[in-house]
Amino acid sequence: MTKLGVLASVRFCFAFLRVDECNRDLSAIDIGCIIRRMGSSGLHGRFSRPIFRAAGLILFVAAFFFPAVRMPPSTVLSGLGGAKSVDFSGWECAYLTPIFTVRLLQFTADPHRFQQDAPVGAELPLLALSGWVNPLLLFYLLSCVVRKLVRFRSFIAGLIVLALVATWIFLAKEHFTLLLGHYLWVMGIFFTLAAPLLGRRPAGTDTGVDE
């Protein structure tokens, strides 16, 4: 494990030192280029992609077993925690957030009926979007192994980023505290989405499907 860690560090430094080939202006470093160089230097992309994606999945799954966010007493969801702060683990967030998609559909169909027992205004759409991050990531992984779905992969990745932004907007507006599980979750998603950038082949020769 130590040798692998040293090798990864050397590869990163090597890629960073050669960043001028991607962007001469060091004040605007092209991170995408650095990631691609990490995949193309040393190990071939066909090996580094699955490894990078596996690391992302490990972080992603581990996040569900740690506290992810701390909810303050006074929020639109205060009914879930009463008059005190409450920590939600990753799996609790994954279980609760999809419910708000249903609530949004119910509120859209009959606003007056559900106005009293569901968050309204901008909060409900943000919560509904946040519940789609995990399902969309599953679709993204499926698009990495099913050739017919490869063309939708970039679109799905864009939706995941949009849902993440909606999540952060809601958490910031309601003054939630981010905990370890949330950071592991985001890192896992980033590693998974960044994996296809590693060791990309010349245009027209990369099928986009892991081999």
Foldseek 3Di string as FASTA:
>chain_A
DVVVVVVLVVQLVVLVVPQCVVPVDPVDGDVLSSQQSSQPPDHALLVQLVVLLVLLVVLQVVLQVAFFKKAACDDQVNVVPPHGIDTDGNVRLLVPLCVLLVVVVVCVVPVVVCVVPHDDDLLSVLSNLLNCLVVLVVVLVVCQADLVNVVCNVVSLVSNVVNVVSPVVNCVVRVMGGDDSNVSNVSSSVSNSSSLSYNDDPPPPDSSHRD
